[in-house]
Every structure is written in C-alpha cells, then in structure tokens.
Amino acid sequence: MTVAIDRATGKRRGDAPRNGLGQRLKHGYQKHWYAYAMIAPVVVVLGVLVLYPLAYGFYLTLTDANSLNTARTIGVNEIAATYKFIGLDNYADILWGPTSYDRFWSHFIWTIVWTAACVALHYFIGLGLALLLNQKLRGRTFYRLVLILPWAVPTFVTVFGWRFMLADGGIINSALETLHLPTPLWLEDTFWQRFAAIMVNTWCGVPFMMVSLLGGLQSIDTTLYEAAEMDGANAWQRFRYVTLPGLRSVSSTVVLLGIIWTFNQFAVIFLLFGDTAPDAQILVTWAYYLGFGQQPRDFAQSAAYGILLLAILVVFTSFYRRWLNRNDQQLAI
C-alpha cells in the first residue's frame, strides 16, 4: 500500500483530520463516564484531605505565620491575620541560619541514624524469625500468634508499657539492680533515650517485617532447594543463592515501606518522651514541637519542616527505585 504525502503540508493524503482536545475529552467522557463516576469520590477525598492541606501548608512556609499573627477569635472579638509573605526565608533560615545545626542538622543526622538502625534491626530480626517459623516445628501457629502480638496491640499501649518499664523504678532497672549491673537513665540521658527509642520501635516493627518475609519465604518454589541440595549446596549457599534472591521483590518493598514509616515515626518518640528529650527528637516530632509545643507556635517553620520531610522522602524513593531497577537489569543480563 502506498501513501501519498502532500509536500506543502507534510501530511499524508487521505488521513482524517484529528479531533481537537475538547472533542477528545468529550468522547473520552462519553465512553468512560462510569469509570470517572467511580473514581470521583476518591478524587474529592484526596483533594480535601491531602492536596488542599499540602498546598496550604506550602503557602504557610512562604510566610512568617505564627500563633500571634494568624486570624483568631477571642471571645466575641475576631482578630484578622497580620502575617506577611517572606518567600523562601524560612527554608534558608532552617538550612543555613545561624542556629541551623541545633534546629535542623542535628535532628536530621539523628533521624538518619534512627531510621537506618531501626530498619536494619526490623529486617534482620524479622528475617531470622521468619526463617524459624518457616520450618516444620511443633506449636508453630502458637509461636506466630505470640510474635504478632506486639504489632496487634495499639502503639500507644505498647509505648506506655515500655515507658513504665524504663522508668527509674521500673522492672528493667530493678532487674539490673538485682544482677548488680548499672541502671541507665533511660528517660533522662541523651544516649540512653536514643537507645530506648530504637529498642521500643524495634519491638513494634519486627512483627510486620516477620510476617511479610514469611509470606515471601512460603512463595519460593521448594524444588529450587531440592535442586540446590542435589548439586551439593550447603545451608549457607542455599540461603544465599535461593532464599535471598527469592525474597528480593518482597524485601525491596518492605524495606522501602519501613524506611518511610520509620523516618516519619511520630508515636514512639512523642509518647515515650513528650517534649522532655530535645536531643532525641527526630525531624517529624521536632516539627510538631515547633508548631504546637511552644509559645508562640511557629506555624510557618513547622510547615517548612513538613515540606522538607516530604522532599527528602520523594528524592530518596526516586533514587531507591532507580537503584533497584538498575540492579534488576544487571541481573537480567
């Protein structure tokens, strides 16, 4: 079949003229109106609960809004807002201001250490428990039930329980005294505050990782282990060349989720210490303190911290997924 091309216009002769954008949208709506109707409630909810607060929060970061200059009502008197637009000054002050290390970078470094330590402990302890529960042993269902309890119990109950146990007269220090061992100031000394926070968050997060990895282990074809054993592979080699590659997709997903959740883990730090441990605060709890835990409440700076947290996670997630895709391509080759 030959196609004639008009030299003047560069278009193929005989082609029907392409519909405009309005006509294409109208045709798409007429064809897929039911799908649009189904997703409309979700779009509305996301717009009200996510997009609008995000846009308004970003706007606040470009102002000097605080509890003294925002609109408020005192009795019958309505006071109008007096805050003004200041551009990117909040971000510059947070990142490069004279007290930026104490207010941002020290908390950022601790947040990175906190996230890396917690996710590593979640993964390796969860993987070890998943490997044990994947074996044929008596009472396996009971062990699974017991190990999943820390995840099933509400977080505030778990954290308050740990807070009582870590107090000066709590069961942990009492046991250490009985063994004639030093009794750390878990809720007062900075080092032990951070250690306690990692320990409590590990207790709360391991069950999820264990269950996810156990599901991944059960999806691995058992014939691969049989073939590896027939080839003379020992237990370590079977784990390295069969188990770990089989868990690759599950591991990459749960590690990414673990990093995002731990980086933004508010409940453990806040319920364990409140605002009494400034050096143990991660970025998200520090942002809450700026916006709601001090007077005057600095809404603009708190919102700027939130936008910075979002930007850090978006950049990290982008590089993480790109790194995984590159490794997948190398393995395929």
Protein backbone atom coordinates (compact mmCIF):
# COMPACT_ATOMS: atom_id res chain seq x y z
CA MET A 1 0.00 0.00 0.00
CA THR A 2 1.35 3.41 -0.98
CA VAL A 3 0.75 6.56 0.99
CA ALA A 4 0.75 9.93 -0.76
CA ILE A 5 2.27 12.82 1.19
CA ASP A 6 1.41 16.41 0.49
CA ARG A 7 4.73 18.24 0.02
CA ALA A 8 3.25 21.57 1.02
CA THR A 9 1.85 20.47 4.38
CA GLY A 10 3.86 17.30 5.08
CA LYS A 11 0.63 15.44 5.93
CA ARG A 12 -0.49 12.14 4.48
CA ARG A 13 -3.31 12.46 1.97
CA GLY A 14 -6.48 10.66 2.85
CA ASP A 15 -5.97 10.90 6.66
CA ALA A 16 -8.99 12.06 8.60
CA PRO A 17 -8.49 15.36 10.43
CA ARG A 18 -7.54 14.85 14.08
CA ASN A 19 -10.13 15.89 16.62
CA GLY A 20 -9.40 18.79 18.92
CA LEU A 21 -8.71 18.48 22.64
CA GLY A 22 -12.27 19.36 23.59
CA GLN A 23 -13.74 16.75 21.29
CA ARG A 24 -11.31 14.09 22.56
CA LEU A 25 -12.23 14.88 26.16
CA LYS A 26 -15.93 14.75 25.31
CA HIS A 27 -15.50 11.42 23.54
CA GLY A 28 -13.48 10.02 26.43
CA TYR A 29 -16.11 11.12 28.94
CA GLN A 30 -18.93 9.60 26.91
CA LYS A 31 -17.01 6.34 26.61
CA HIS A 32 -15.67 6.07 30.17
CA TRP A 33 -18.20 8.08 32.20
CA TYR A 34 -18.82 5.16 34.56
CA ALA A 35 -15.12 4.93 35.49
CA TYR A 36 -14.99 8.68 36.11
CA ALA A 37 -18.07 8.40 38.33
CA MET A 38 -16.45 5.63 40.35
CA ILE A 39 -13.18 7.48 40.99
CA ALA A 40 -14.80 10.87 41.62
CA PRO A 41 -15.38 10.26 45.39
CA VAL A 42 -11.76 9.17 45.80
CA VAL A 43 -10.51 12.26 43.97
CA VAL A 44 -12.69 14.51 46.15
CA VAL A 45 -11.50 12.86 49.37
CA LEU A 46 -7.84 13.05 48.32
CA GLY A 47 -8.27 16.67 47.33
CA VAL A 48 -9.86 17.61 50.66
CA LEU A 49 -7.63 15.52 52.95
CA VAL A 50 -4.30 15.59 51.08
CA LEU A 51 -3.98 18.13 48.28
CA TYR A 52 -5.58 21.12 50.00
CA PRO A 53 -3.66 20.72 53.31
CA LEU A 54 -0.44 20.19 51.34
CA ALA A 55 -0.99 23.30 49.21
CA TYR A 56 -1.99 25.40 52.22
CA GLY A 57 0.98 24.11 54.21
CA PHE A 58 3.34 25.04 51.39
CA TYR A 59 1.79 28.51 51.29
CA LEU A 60 2.42 28.91 55.04
CA THR A 61 6.11 28.11 54.51
CA LEU A 62 6.36 31.27 52.39
CA THR A 63 5.05 33.44 55.23
CA ASP A 64 6.00 34.32 58.82
CA ALA A 65 2.77 32.88 60.26
CA ASN A 66 2.69 32.07 63.97
CA SER A 67 0.13 31.97 66.74
CA LEU A 68 0.43 35.73 67.31
CA ASN A 69 -0.26 36.99 63.80
CA THR A 70 -2.77 34.49 62.38
CA ALA A 71 -6.52 35.06 62.34
CA ARG A 72 -8.15 34.08 65.62
CA THR A 73 -11.23 34.68 67.73
CA ILE A 74 -11.03 35.80 71.37
CA GLY A 75 -14.48 35.89 72.92
CA VAL A 76 -16.62 37.96 70.57
CA ASN A 77 -13.61 39.70 69.03
CA GLU A 78 -12.29 38.48 65.67
CA ILE A 79 -8.67 39.39 65.05
CA ALA A 80 -7.57 39.44 61.41
CA ALA A 81 -4.35 37.83 60.21
CA THR A 82 -1.30 40.09 60.02
CA TYR A 83 1.38 37.68 58.80
CA LYS A 84 3.17 38.58 55.58
CA PHE A 85 4.79 36.88 52.63
CA ILE A 86 8.56 36.36 53.06
CA GLY A 87 9.38 33.95 50.22
CA LEU A 88 11.99 31.27 50.87
CA ASP A 89 13.39 32.87 54.03
CA ASN A 90 12.09 30.05 56.24
CA TYR A 91 13.95 27.41 54.23
CA ALA A 92 17.12 29.50 54.21
CA ASP A 93 16.89 30.02 57.97
CA ILE A 94 16.33 26.30 58.62
CA LEU A 95 19.13 25.08 56.35
CA TRP A 96 21.74 27.84 56.64
CA GLY A 97 20.69 30.08 59.50
CA PRO A 98 22.95 30.84 62.50
CA THR A 99 21.32 28.08 64.61
CA SER A 100 20.63 25.67 61.74
CA TYR A 101 22.73 22.86 63.21
CA ASP A 102 20.91 22.84 66.55
CA ARG A 103 17.46 23.26 64.98
CA PHE A 104 17.76 21.11 61.85
CA TRP A 105 21.01 19.31 61.05
CA SER A 106 21.47 17.65 64.45
CA HIS A 107 17.91 16.30 64.25
CA PHE A 108 18.42 15.32 60.61
CA ILE A 109 21.56 13.29 61.45
CA TRP A 110 19.81 11.59 64.37
CA THR A 111 16.80 10.85 62.15
CA ILE A 112 19.05 9.15 59.58
CA VAL A 113 20.78 7.10 62.31
CA TRP A 114 17.41 6.24 63.89
CA THR A 115 15.93 5.16 60.56
CA ALA A 116 18.94 3.08 59.47
CA ALA A 117 19.27 1.32 62.85
CA CYS A 118 15.56 0.58 63.22
CA VAL A 119 15.04 -0.70 59.66
CA ALA A 120 18.18 -2.85 59.83
CA LEU A 121 17.04 -4.40 63.13
CA HIS A 122 13.50 -4.85 61.79
CA TYR A 123 14.74 -6.65 58.71
CA PHE A 124 17.38 -8.93 60.18
CA ILE A 125 15.41 -9.91 63.29
CA GLY A 126 12.26 -10.31 61.20
CA LEU A 127 14.12 -12.44 58.65
CA GLY A 128 15.56 -14.65 61.38
CA LEU A 129 12.15 -15.20 62.97
CA ALA A 130 10.56 -15.81 59.55
CA LEU A 131 13.17 -18.48 58.77
CA LEU A 132 12.43 -20.19 62.09
CA LEU A 133 8.66 -20.06 61.61
CA ASN A 134 9.03 -21.40 58.08
CA GLN A 135 10.41 -24.64 59.48
CA LYS A 136 8.22 -27.59 60.41
CA LEU A 137 8.14 -27.39 64.20
CA ARG A 138 5.58 -28.20 66.84
CA GLY A 139 3.45 -25.29 68.01
CA ARG A 140 4.30 -23.13 65.01
CA THR A 141 0.85 -21.50 64.98
CA PHE A 142 1.18 -20.56 68.66
CA TYR A 143 4.60 -19.01 68.09
CA ARG A 144 3.24 -16.99 65.18
CA LEU A 145 0.40 -15.71 67.35
CA VAL A 146 2.74 -14.71 70.17
CA LEU A 147 5.22 -12.96 67.85
CA ILE A 148 2.50 -11.00 66.08
CA LEU A 149 1.06 -9.58 69.32
CA PRO A 150 3.39 -6.51 69.53
CA TRP A 151 2.05 -5.43 66.15
CA ALA A 152 -1.59 -6.15 67.02
CA VAL A 153 -1.52 -4.16 70.28
CA PRO A 154 -2.18 -0.40 69.77
CA THR A 155 1.05 1.59 69.62
CA PHE A 156 0.20 3.90 72.50
CA VAL A 157 -0.42 0.92 74.80
CA THR A 158 2.93 -0.63 73.85
CA VAL A 159 4.87 2.62 74.25
CA PHE A 160 3.28 3.49 77.59
CA GLY A 161 4.06 -0.02 78.81
CA TRP A 162 7.71 0.43 77.84
CA ARG A 163 7.74 3.86 79.46
CA PHE A 164 6.67 2.36 82.79
CA MET A 165 9.26 -0.42 82.48
CA LEU A 166 12.06 2.03 81.60
CA ALA A 167 11.33 4.42 84.48
CA ASP A 168 13.86 4.70 87.30
CA GLY A 169 11.86 2.32 89.49
CA GLY A 170 10.65 0.19 86.60
CA ILE A 171 11.06 -3.53 86.14
CA ILE A 172 14.09 -3.22 83.85
CA ASN A 173 16.22 -1.18 86.24
CA SER A 174 15.01 -3.31 89.17
CA ALA A 175 16.20 -6.42 87.35
CA LEU A 176 19.55 -4.77 86.57
CA GLU A 177 19.94 -3.81 90.24
CA THR A 178 19.24 -7.40 91.26
CA LEU A 179 22.03 -8.53 88.93
CA HIS A 180 24.33 -5.80 90.33
CA LEU A 181 24.55 -4.12 86.92
CA PRO A 182 24.47 -0.38 86.13
CA THR A 183 21.00 1.13 85.83
CA PRO A 184 20.90 3.59 82.90
CA LEU A 185 18.78 6.72 82.95
CA TRP A 186 16.63 5.54 80.06
CA LEU A 187 14.33 8.56 80.02
CA GLU A 188 16.82 11.26 81.03
CA ASP A 189 20.27 10.69 79.49
CA THR A 190 20.50 11.51 75.76
CA PHE A 191 22.39 8.35 74.74
CA TRP A 192 20.04 6.04 76.63
CA GLN A 193 16.99 7.95 75.42
CA ARG A 194 18.03 7.25 71.86
CA PHE A 195 18.88 3.64 72.67
CA ALA A 196 15.48 3.17 74.32
CA ALA A 197 13.69 4.74 71.36
CA ILE A 198 15.38 2.34 68.92
CA MET A 199 14.63 -0.60 71.21
CA VAL A 200 10.92 0.25 71.55
CA ASN A 201 10.48 0.91 67.84
CA THR A 202 12.22 -2.37 67.03
CA TRP A 203 9.77 -4.18 69.30
CA CYS A 204 6.85 -2.54 67.49
CA GLY A 205 8.16 -3.01 63.94
CA VAL A 206 9.63 -6.52 63.83
CA PRO A 207 6.27 -8.39 63.59
CA PHE A 208 5.27 -6.66 60.34
CA MET A 209 8.63 -7.44 58.77
CA MET A 210 8.47 -11.03 60.02
CA VAL A 211 5.00 -11.64 58.56
CA SER A 212 5.91 -10.06 55.21
CA LEU A 213 9.13 -12.05 54.87
CA LEU A 214 7.40 -15.24 55.98
CA GLY A 215 4.92 -14.81 53.15
CA GLY A 216 7.83 -14.31 50.77
CA LEU A 217 9.57 -17.46 52.03
CA GLN A 218 6.43 -19.53 51.53
CA SER A 219 6.15 -18.34 47.92
CA ILE A 220 9.61 -19.68 46.97
CA ASP A 221 9.41 -22.90 44.95
CA THR A 222 10.66 -25.78 47.12
CA THR A 223 12.06 -27.56 44.06
CA LEU A 224 14.77 -24.90 43.93
CA TYR A 225 16.01 -26.00 47.34
CA GLU A 226 15.87 -29.64 46.29
CA ALA A 227 17.86 -28.92 43.14
CA ALA A 228 20.44 -26.91 45.08
CA GLU A 229 20.79 -29.69 47.65
CA MET A 230 21.27 -32.27 44.91
CA ASP A 231 24.03 -30.06 43.46
CA GLY A 232 25.82 -30.20 46.82
CA ALA A 233 24.94 -26.74 48.14
CA ASN A 234 25.18 -26.38 51.91
CA ALA A 235 22.73 -24.45 54.10
CA TRP A 236 24.52 -21.11 53.70
CA GLN A 237 24.74 -21.50 49.92
CA ARG A 238 21.03 -22.37 49.69
CA PHE A 239 20.23 -19.30 51.77
CA ARG A 240 22.47 -17.05 49.69
CA TYR A 241 21.61 -18.26 46.20
CA VAL A 242 17.98 -19.38 46.64
CA THR A 243 16.38 -17.68 49.65
CA LEU A 244 17.75 -14.15 49.27
CA PRO A 245 17.05 -13.89 45.51
CA GLY A 246 13.58 -15.33 46.12
CA LEU A 247 12.91 -12.65 48.72
CA ARG A 248 14.25 -9.82 46.57
CA SER A 249 10.91 -8.33 45.50
CA VAL A 250 9.37 -8.64 48.97
CA SER A 251 12.49 -7.30 50.69
CA SER A 252 12.75 -4.24 48.44
CA THR A 253 9.11 -3.34 49.14
CA VAL A 254 9.10 -3.86 52.91
CA VAL A 255 12.44 -2.08 53.34
CA LEU A 256 11.13 0.94 51.42
CA LEU A 257 7.93 0.97 53.48
CA GLY A 258 9.96 0.53 56.66
CA ILE A 259 12.18 3.50 55.80
CA ILE A 260 9.22 5.76 55.07
CA TRP A 261 7.32 4.70 58.20
CA THR A 262 10.35 4.91 60.50
CA PHE A 263 11.50 8.25 59.09
CA ASN A 264 8.04 9.64 59.93
CA GLN A 265 7.52 7.62 63.13
CA PHE A 266 5.84 10.13 65.42
CA ALA A 267 4.09 8.00 68.01
CA VAL A 268 7.07 6.19 69.57
CA ILE A 269 9.22 9.27 70.19
CA PHE A 270 6.34 11.53 71.25
CA LEU A 271 4.67 9.04 73.60
CA LEU A 272 7.95 7.86 75.08
CA PHE A 273 9.46 11.28 75.83
CA GLY A 274 6.95 14.01 75.03
CA ASP A 275 8.87 17.28 74.80
CA THR A 276 11.30 16.40 77.61
CA ALA A 277 14.05 14.99 75.36
CA PRO A 278 15.04 17.65 72.79
CA ASP A 279 18.14 15.75 71.64
CA ALA A 280 16.13 12.56 71.00
CA GLN A 281 13.56 14.26 68.77
CA ILE A 282 13.52 13.24 65.12
CA LEU A 283 12.51 15.71 62.43
CA VAL A 284 8.80 14.92 62.47
CA THR A 285 8.46 15.30 66.26
CA TRP A 286 10.61 18.43 66.19
CA ALA A 287 8.32 19.91 63.54
CA TYR A 288 5.34 19.14 65.79
CA TYR A 289 7.09 20.81 68.72
CA LEU A 290 7.67 24.00 66.71
CA GLY A 291 4.06 24.15 65.60
CA PHE A 292 2.23 23.04 68.74
CA GLY A 293 4.64 22.54 71.66
CA GLN A 294 5.99 26.05 72.24
CA GLN A 295 4.77 29.60 72.60
CA PRO A 296 4.43 31.36 70.28
CA ARG A 297 3.67 28.46 67.95
CA ASP A 298 5.65 28.84 64.74
CA PHE A 299 3.31 27.55 62.03
CA ALA A 300 5.50 28.66 59.14
CA GLN A 301 8.66 26.93 60.34
CA SER A 302 6.72 23.79 61.29
CA ALA A 303 5.16 23.64 57.81
CA ALA A 304 8.59 24.20 56.24
CA TYR A 305 9.91 21.17 58.13
CA GLY A 306 6.99 19.14 56.78
CA ILE A 307 7.75 20.17 53.18
CA LEU A 308 11.44 19.34 53.69
CA LEU A 309 10.50 15.91 55.05
CA LEU A 310 8.32 15.28 52.02
CA ALA A 311 11.09 16.40 49.65
CA ILE A 312 13.67 14.15 51.36
CA LEU A 313 11.43 11.10 51.10
CA VAL A 314 10.49 11.81 47.47
CA VAL A 315 14.15 12.15 46.46
CA PHE A 316 15.16 9.05 48.41
CA THR A 317 12.31 6.97 46.99
CA SER A 318 13.18 8.05 43.46
CA PHE A 319 16.84 7.05 43.82
CA TYR A 320 15.93 3.84 45.64
CA ARG A 321 13.56 2.67 42.89
CA ARG A 322 16.07 3.65 40.21
CA TRP A 323 18.80 1.69 42.01
CA LEU A 324 16.54 -1.37 42.24
CA ASN A 325 15.62 -1.16 38.56
CA ARG A 326 19.29 -0.90 37.57
CA ASN A 327 20.16 -3.95 39.67
CA ASP A 328 17.26 -5.87 38.12
CA GLN A 329 18.53 -5.04 34.65
CA GLN A 330 22.06 -6.18 35.57
CA LEU A 331 20.71 -9.45 36.94
CA ALA A 332 18.67 -9.97 33.76
CA ILE A 333 21.82 -9.57 31.67
